[in-house]
N, C-alpha and C. Protein backbone atom coordinates (compact mmCIF):
# COMPACT_ATOMS: atom_id res chain seq x y z
N MET A 1 111.53 26.60 81.62
CA MET A 1 112.25 27.52 82.47
C MET A 1 113.56 27.88 81.77
N THR A 2 113.92 29.13 81.84
CA THR A 2 115.17 29.56 81.20
C THR A 2 116.36 29.06 81.98
N ARG A 3 117.48 29.09 81.34
CA ARG A 3 118.71 28.63 81.98
C ARG A 3 119.04 29.48 83.21
N SER A 4 118.87 30.81 83.09
CA SER A 4 119.16 31.68 84.23
C SER A 4 118.14 31.49 85.35
N GLY A 5 116.87 31.19 84.96
CA GLY A 5 115.84 30.93 85.97
C GLY A 5 116.14 29.65 86.74
N ARG A 6 116.60 28.64 86.03
CA ARG A 6 116.96 27.38 86.68
C ARG A 6 118.15 27.57 87.61
N ALA A 7 119.12 28.36 87.16
CA ALA A 7 120.31 28.62 88.00
C ALA A 7 119.90 29.35 89.28
N HIS A 8 118.95 30.30 89.15
CA HIS A 8 118.49 31.04 90.32
C HIS A 8 117.77 30.10 91.30
N LEU A 9 116.92 29.23 90.77
CA LEU A 9 116.21 28.26 91.61
C LEU A 9 117.19 27.31 92.30
N ASP A 10 118.18 26.83 91.57
CA ASP A 10 119.21 25.95 92.17
C ASP A 10 119.95 26.67 93.29
N ALA A 11 120.24 27.96 93.10
CA ALA A 11 120.94 28.74 94.13
C ALA A 11 120.04 28.90 95.37
N MET A 12 118.75 29.14 95.15
CA MET A 12 117.83 29.25 96.28
C MET A 12 117.75 27.94 97.05
N PHE A 13 117.59 26.84 96.33
CA PHE A 13 117.52 25.53 96.96
C PHE A 13 118.80 25.25 97.76
N ALA A 14 119.95 25.57 97.19
CA ALA A 14 121.23 25.32 97.88
C ALA A 14 121.33 26.14 99.16
N ALA A 15 120.90 27.40 99.13
CA ALA A 15 120.95 28.26 100.32
C ALA A 15 120.01 27.72 101.40
N ILE A 16 118.83 27.30 101.00
CA ILE A 16 117.86 26.77 101.96
C ILE A 16 118.36 25.47 102.58
N ARG A 17 118.93 24.61 101.77
CA ARG A 17 119.47 23.34 102.28
C ARG A 17 120.65 23.58 103.21
N ALA A 18 121.46 24.59 102.93
CA ALA A 18 122.60 24.91 103.80
C ALA A 18 122.11 25.32 105.18
N VAL A 19 121.02 26.08 105.23
CA VAL A 19 120.45 26.47 106.52
C VAL A 19 119.91 25.24 107.24
N ALA A 20 119.22 24.37 106.51
CA ALA A 20 118.65 23.16 107.13
C ALA A 20 119.74 22.28 107.74
N LYS A 21 120.91 22.24 107.13
CA LYS A 21 122.01 21.44 107.67
C LYS A 21 122.50 21.96 109.02
N ARG A 22 122.21 23.21 109.32
CA ARG A 22 122.67 23.82 110.57
C ARG A 22 121.71 23.59 111.74
N ILE A 23 120.53 23.06 111.49
CA ILE A 23 119.57 22.82 112.58
C ILE A 23 120.14 21.74 113.48
N PRO A 24 120.36 22.06 114.75
CA PRO A 24 120.96 21.07 115.64
C PRO A 24 120.00 19.94 116.01
N ARG A 25 120.58 18.86 116.39
CA ARG A 25 119.83 17.69 116.86
C ARG A 25 118.94 18.11 118.03
N GLY A 26 117.69 17.65 118.05
CA GLY A 26 116.78 17.98 119.13
C GLY A 26 116.06 19.31 118.95
N ARG A 27 116.23 19.95 117.81
CA ARG A 27 115.57 21.22 117.49
C ARG A 27 114.85 21.10 116.16
N VAL A 28 113.89 21.98 115.92
CA VAL A 28 113.17 22.01 114.65
C VAL A 28 113.08 23.44 114.16
N ALA A 29 112.85 23.58 112.85
CA ALA A 29 112.64 24.90 112.25
C ALA A 29 111.49 24.77 111.25
N THR A 30 110.79 25.86 111.01
CA THR A 30 109.69 25.84 110.06
C THR A 30 110.22 26.16 108.66
N TYR A 31 109.41 25.84 107.67
CA TYR A 31 109.79 26.15 106.30
C TYR A 31 109.99 27.65 106.12
N GLY A 32 109.14 28.44 106.76
CA GLY A 32 109.27 29.89 106.68
C GLY A 32 110.57 30.39 107.28
N GLN A 33 110.97 29.81 108.41
CA GLN A 33 112.25 30.17 109.02
C GLN A 33 113.41 29.85 108.09
N LEU A 34 113.37 28.65 107.51
CA LEU A 34 114.44 28.27 106.58
C LEU A 34 114.59 29.29 105.47
N ALA A 35 113.47 29.63 104.86
CA ALA A 35 113.51 30.58 103.74
C ALA A 35 114.04 31.93 104.20
N GLU A 36 113.56 32.42 105.33
CA GLU A 36 114.00 33.73 105.82
C GLU A 36 115.49 33.73 106.16
N LEU A 37 115.96 32.69 106.84
CA LEU A 37 117.37 32.61 107.20
C LEU A 37 118.27 32.44 105.98
N ALA A 38 117.71 31.88 104.91
CA ALA A 38 118.48 31.72 103.67
C ALA A 38 118.48 33.00 102.84
N GLY A 39 117.73 34.00 103.28
CA GLY A 39 117.69 35.27 102.56
C GLY A 39 116.51 35.43 101.64
N TYR A 40 115.48 34.60 101.81
CA TYR A 40 114.29 34.65 100.97
C TYR A 40 113.03 34.70 101.83
N PRO A 41 112.81 35.82 102.54
CA PRO A 41 111.62 35.90 103.40
C PRO A 41 110.34 35.73 102.59
N GLY A 42 109.40 35.00 103.17
CA GLY A 42 108.13 34.77 102.52
C GLY A 42 108.13 33.64 101.51
N ALA A 43 109.23 32.92 101.40
CA ALA A 43 109.35 31.86 100.40
C ALA A 43 109.26 30.47 101.04
N SER A 44 108.31 30.30 101.94
CA SER A 44 108.21 29.01 102.63
C SER A 44 107.88 27.87 101.66
N ARG A 45 107.12 28.17 100.63
CA ARG A 45 106.80 27.11 99.66
C ARG A 45 108.03 26.71 98.85
N VAL A 46 108.91 27.65 98.61
CA VAL A 46 110.17 27.32 97.93
C VAL A 46 111.01 26.44 98.84
N ALA A 47 111.01 26.76 100.13
CA ALA A 47 111.76 25.94 101.10
C ALA A 47 111.19 24.52 101.13
N ALA A 48 109.87 24.40 101.07
CA ALA A 48 109.25 23.07 101.05
C ALA A 48 109.66 22.31 99.80
N ALA A 49 109.70 23.00 98.66
CA ALA A 49 110.12 22.35 97.42
C ALA A 49 111.59 21.92 97.50
N ALA A 50 112.41 22.75 98.13
CA ALA A 50 113.83 22.40 98.29
C ALA A 50 113.99 21.15 99.13
N MET A 51 113.17 21.01 100.16
CA MET A 51 113.25 19.84 101.02
C MET A 51 112.66 18.61 100.34
N LYS A 52 111.63 18.82 99.53
CA LYS A 52 110.97 17.70 98.86
C LYS A 52 111.87 17.06 97.80
N THR A 53 112.78 17.83 97.24
CA THR A 53 113.64 17.32 96.17
C THR A 53 115.01 16.87 96.67
N LEU A 54 115.13 16.63 97.97
CA LEU A 54 116.40 16.17 98.53
C LEU A 54 116.76 14.78 98.01
N GLU A 55 118.03 14.54 97.95
CA GLU A 55 118.55 13.21 97.64
C GLU A 55 119.33 12.73 98.86
N PRO A 56 119.34 11.43 99.14
CA PRO A 56 120.04 10.93 100.33
C PRO A 56 121.50 11.37 100.43
N ALA A 57 122.17 11.48 99.30
CA ALA A 57 123.58 11.86 99.32
C ALA A 57 123.81 13.28 99.85
N MET A 58 122.77 14.11 99.86
CA MET A 58 122.89 15.50 100.33
C MET A 58 123.02 15.58 101.85
N ARG A 59 122.58 14.54 102.55
CA ARG A 59 122.70 14.44 104.01
C ARG A 59 122.16 15.67 104.74
N VAL A 60 120.92 16.02 104.42
CA VAL A 60 120.23 17.13 105.07
C VAL A 60 119.24 16.54 106.07
N PRO A 61 119.20 17.03 107.31
CA PRO A 61 118.28 16.49 108.31
C PRO A 61 116.84 16.96 108.06
N TRP A 62 116.22 16.41 107.06
CA TRP A 62 114.88 16.82 106.61
C TRP A 62 113.82 16.70 107.70
N GLN A 63 114.01 15.76 108.62
CA GLN A 63 113.01 15.53 109.65
C GLN A 63 112.89 16.71 110.60
N ARG A 64 113.88 17.58 110.65
CA ARG A 64 113.87 18.71 111.56
C ARG A 64 113.14 19.93 110.99
N VAL A 65 112.60 19.80 109.80
CA VAL A 65 111.88 20.90 109.16
C VAL A 65 110.39 20.57 109.18
N ILE A 66 109.60 21.49 109.75
CA ILE A 66 108.17 21.24 109.95
C ILE A 66 107.35 22.43 109.47
N GLY A 67 106.07 22.23 109.39
CA GLY A 67 105.15 23.32 109.05
C GLY A 67 104.79 24.11 110.29
N LYS A 68 104.28 25.30 110.08
CA LYS A 68 103.88 26.14 111.20
C LYS A 68 102.39 25.95 111.45
N ALA A 69 102.01 25.71 112.70
CA ALA A 69 100.61 25.48 113.05
C ALA A 69 100.06 26.60 113.93
N GLY A 70 100.87 27.54 114.29
CA GLY A 70 100.45 28.64 115.16
C GLY A 70 101.69 29.35 115.66
N PRO A 71 101.53 30.40 116.46
CA PRO A 71 102.69 31.16 116.94
C PRO A 71 103.71 30.32 117.72
N LEU A 72 103.22 29.35 118.48
CA LEU A 72 104.13 28.55 119.30
C LEU A 72 104.03 27.05 119.01
N ARG A 73 103.40 26.70 117.89
CA ARG A 73 103.25 25.29 117.56
C ARG A 73 103.65 25.02 116.11
N GLY A 74 104.27 23.88 115.91
CA GLY A 74 104.59 23.41 114.58
C GLY A 74 103.95 22.07 114.35
N ARG A 75 103.94 21.62 113.11
CA ARG A 75 103.28 20.37 112.79
C ARG A 75 104.10 19.62 111.75
N ILE A 76 104.14 18.32 111.90
CA ILE A 76 104.74 17.49 110.87
C ILE A 76 103.99 17.80 109.57
N ALA A 77 104.70 18.15 108.54
CA ALA A 77 104.06 18.64 107.32
C ALA A 77 103.95 17.60 106.22
N ILE A 78 104.35 16.39 106.50
CA ILE A 78 104.29 15.34 105.49
C ILE A 78 102.90 14.73 105.52
N HIS A 79 102.22 14.73 104.39
CA HIS A 79 100.86 14.21 104.34
C HIS A 79 100.82 12.70 104.08
N ASP A 80 101.92 12.16 103.63
CA ASP A 80 102.03 10.72 103.41
C ASP A 80 102.16 10.05 104.77
N PRO A 81 101.29 9.10 105.12
CA PRO A 81 101.34 8.49 106.45
C PRO A 81 102.65 7.78 106.75
N VAL A 82 103.26 7.17 105.76
CA VAL A 82 104.52 6.48 105.98
C VAL A 82 105.63 7.49 106.27
N GLY A 83 105.68 8.56 105.46
CA GLY A 83 106.69 9.60 105.67
C GLY A 83 106.50 10.32 106.99
N ALA A 84 105.24 10.59 107.37
CA ALA A 84 104.96 11.24 108.64
C ALA A 84 105.39 10.36 109.81
N ALA A 85 105.15 9.07 109.71
CA ALA A 85 105.56 8.15 110.77
C ALA A 85 107.08 8.11 110.89
N MET A 86 107.75 8.15 109.75
CA MET A 86 109.21 8.14 109.76
C MET A 86 109.75 9.44 110.38
N GLN A 87 109.14 10.59 110.02
CA GLN A 87 109.58 11.86 110.58
C GLN A 87 109.35 11.86 112.09
N ARG A 88 108.20 11.39 112.52
CA ARG A 88 107.89 11.32 113.96
C ARG A 88 108.93 10.46 114.69
N GLN A 89 109.23 9.30 114.13
CA GLN A 89 110.18 8.39 114.75
C GLN A 89 111.57 9.03 114.86
N LEU A 90 112.02 9.68 113.80
CA LEU A 90 113.34 10.32 113.81
C LEU A 90 113.39 11.46 114.81
N LEU A 91 112.34 12.28 114.87
CA LEU A 91 112.31 13.39 115.83
C LEU A 91 112.28 12.89 117.27
N GLU A 92 111.46 11.88 117.53
CA GLU A 92 111.38 11.36 118.89
C GLU A 92 112.69 10.70 119.32
N ALA A 93 113.43 10.13 118.37
CA ALA A 93 114.75 9.56 118.68
C ALA A 93 115.74 10.66 119.06
N GLU A 94 115.48 11.90 118.61
CA GLU A 94 116.33 13.04 118.95
C GLU A 94 115.84 13.75 120.21
N GLY A 95 114.76 13.24 120.82
CA GLY A 95 114.25 13.84 122.04
C GLY A 95 113.19 14.90 121.83
N VAL A 96 112.62 14.96 120.63
CA VAL A 96 111.56 15.93 120.34
C VAL A 96 110.23 15.18 120.34
N PRO A 97 109.42 15.38 121.38
CA PRO A 97 108.13 14.68 121.43
C PRO A 97 107.14 15.27 120.42
N VAL A 98 106.45 14.39 119.74
CA VAL A 98 105.45 14.79 118.75
C VAL A 98 104.10 14.30 119.26
N GLY A 99 103.13 15.20 119.34
CA GLY A 99 101.80 14.85 119.82
C GLY A 99 101.07 13.92 118.86
N ASP A 100 99.94 13.39 119.31
CA ASP A 100 99.14 12.47 118.52
C ASP A 100 98.70 13.07 117.18
N ARG A 101 98.49 14.38 117.16
CA ARG A 101 98.06 15.04 115.93
C ARG A 101 99.23 15.62 115.13
N GLY A 102 100.46 15.25 115.50
CA GLY A 102 101.64 15.70 114.78
C GLY A 102 102.14 17.07 115.20
N LEU A 103 101.67 17.57 116.35
CA LEU A 103 102.05 18.91 116.81
C LEU A 103 103.29 18.87 117.69
N LEU A 104 104.09 19.96 117.59
CA LEU A 104 105.30 20.11 118.40
C LEU A 104 105.30 21.50 119.03
N ALA A 105 105.96 21.64 120.15
CA ALA A 105 106.06 22.93 120.84
C ALA A 105 107.26 23.72 120.29
N LEU A 106 106.98 24.75 119.50
CA LEU A 106 108.06 25.57 118.95
C LEU A 106 108.75 26.41 120.03
N ASP A 107 108.02 26.77 121.07
CA ASP A 107 108.64 27.55 122.13
C ASP A 107 109.64 26.74 122.93
N VAL A 108 109.57 25.41 122.83
CA VAL A 108 110.51 24.54 123.52
C VAL A 108 111.57 23.99 122.57
N TYR A 109 111.15 23.53 121.39
CA TYR A 109 112.05 22.84 120.47
C TYR A 109 112.39 23.63 119.21
N GLY A 110 111.86 24.84 119.10
CA GLY A 110 112.16 25.68 117.93
C GLY A 110 113.61 26.13 117.93
N TRP A 111 114.14 26.34 116.74
CA TRP A 111 115.54 26.73 116.59
C TRP A 111 115.66 28.06 115.89
N LEU A 112 116.56 28.87 116.36
CA LEU A 112 116.96 30.09 115.69
C LEU A 112 118.44 30.24 115.97
N PRO A 113 119.25 30.38 114.94
CA PRO A 113 120.70 30.46 115.19
C PRO A 113 121.05 31.68 116.03
N THR A 114 122.04 31.51 116.89
CA THR A 114 122.52 32.61 117.71
C THR A 114 124.01 32.76 117.45
N GLU A 115 124.50 33.97 117.63
CA GLU A 115 125.91 34.23 117.42
C GLU A 115 126.73 33.79 118.63
N ARG A 116 126.11 33.84 119.82
CA ARG A 116 126.84 33.54 121.04
C ARG A 116 127.20 32.08 121.20
N SER A 117 126.27 31.21 120.81
CA SER A 117 126.52 29.79 121.06
C SER A 117 126.09 28.97 119.87
N GLY A 118 126.52 27.74 119.84
CA GLY A 118 126.13 26.84 118.77
C GLY A 118 124.75 26.24 118.99
N ARG A 119 124.21 26.42 120.19
CA ARG A 119 122.88 25.85 120.48
C ARG A 119 121.82 26.75 119.89
N GLY A 120 120.74 26.12 119.49
CA GLY A 120 119.61 26.88 118.96
C GLY A 120 118.87 27.55 120.10
N ALA A 121 118.20 28.62 119.80
CA ALA A 121 117.39 29.31 120.77
C ALA A 121 115.96 29.30 120.26
N SER A 122 115.02 29.28 121.16
CA SER A 122 113.64 29.33 120.74
C SER A 122 113.05 30.66 121.19
N PRO A 123 113.09 31.64 120.32
CA PRO A 123 112.65 32.97 120.71
C PRO A 123 111.14 33.03 120.85
N ARG A 124 110.68 33.89 121.72
CA ARG A 124 109.24 34.10 121.87
C ARG A 124 108.89 35.39 121.15
N ARG A 125 109.00 35.37 119.85
CA ARG A 125 108.66 36.55 119.07
C ARG A 125 107.58 36.18 118.07
N LEU A 126 106.77 37.16 117.72
CA LEU A 126 105.74 36.91 116.73
C LEU A 126 106.37 36.80 115.35
N PRO A 127 105.83 35.96 114.51
CA PRO A 127 106.33 35.92 113.14
C PRO A 127 105.99 37.23 112.45
N ARG A 128 106.74 37.54 111.41
CA ARG A 128 106.53 38.80 110.70
C ARG A 128 105.10 38.95 110.20
N SER A 129 104.48 37.87 109.81
CA SER A 129 103.13 37.94 109.25
C SER A 129 102.06 38.17 110.31
N ALA A 130 102.40 38.09 111.57
CA ALA A 130 101.41 38.23 112.63
C ALA A 130 101.43 39.61 113.27
N SER A 131 101.90 40.57 112.54
CA SER A 131 101.98 41.93 113.05
C SER A 131 100.58 42.42 113.43
N LYS A 132 100.48 43.13 114.54
CA LYS A 132 99.19 43.63 114.99
C LYS A 132 98.88 44.99 114.37
N ARG A 133 99.86 45.60 113.76
CA ARG A 133 99.68 46.90 113.15
C ARG A 133 99.15 46.74 111.73
N ARG A 134 98.10 47.44 111.43
CA ARG A 134 97.53 47.33 110.09
C ARG A 134 97.90 48.55 109.26
N ALA A 135 98.06 48.32 107.99
CA ALA A 135 98.29 49.42 107.08
C ALA A 135 96.98 50.18 106.90
N SER A 136 97.06 51.46 106.84
CA SER A 136 95.87 52.26 106.68
C SER A 136 96.04 53.22 105.53
N SER A 137 95.03 53.35 104.72
CA SER A 137 95.10 54.26 103.59
C SER A 137 95.03 55.71 104.05
N SER A 138 94.62 55.96 105.30
CA SER A 138 94.53 57.33 105.78
C SER A 138 95.88 57.86 106.26
N ARG A 139 96.90 57.07 106.28
CA ARG A 139 98.23 57.52 106.75
C ARG A 139 99.12 58.00 105.61
N ARG A 140 98.57 58.39 104.54
CA ARG A 140 99.39 58.79 103.39
C ARG A 140 100.05 60.09 103.56
């Protein structure tokens, strides 16, 4: 990787981690949300890589970042059973119940920053990728 490429990746990781630090206790955000709020829409895998390479000294609440399982559901995204158990324990200690299959209610515990208050809001909006409108070649 070139020096400028590495610098760009470091900047992306830093922006994503800064957003993750803002997730309030008792709320969760998806990797896709993190990327979009950091200014990189569609970069959920980059957000996952940023979270995977965390160091304890960075003090980022990694347990509050989950995978998306549907429009209103999220899922613990750690495939390692020990890590998943730790994430579950940390989330439940914050008051976020995690189902037996690792599922969480995004409509209840999802976070989206608001300008009005410091509390997260859980909007009932479709993700950008779930648009019902299809592109058509006949609309040229």
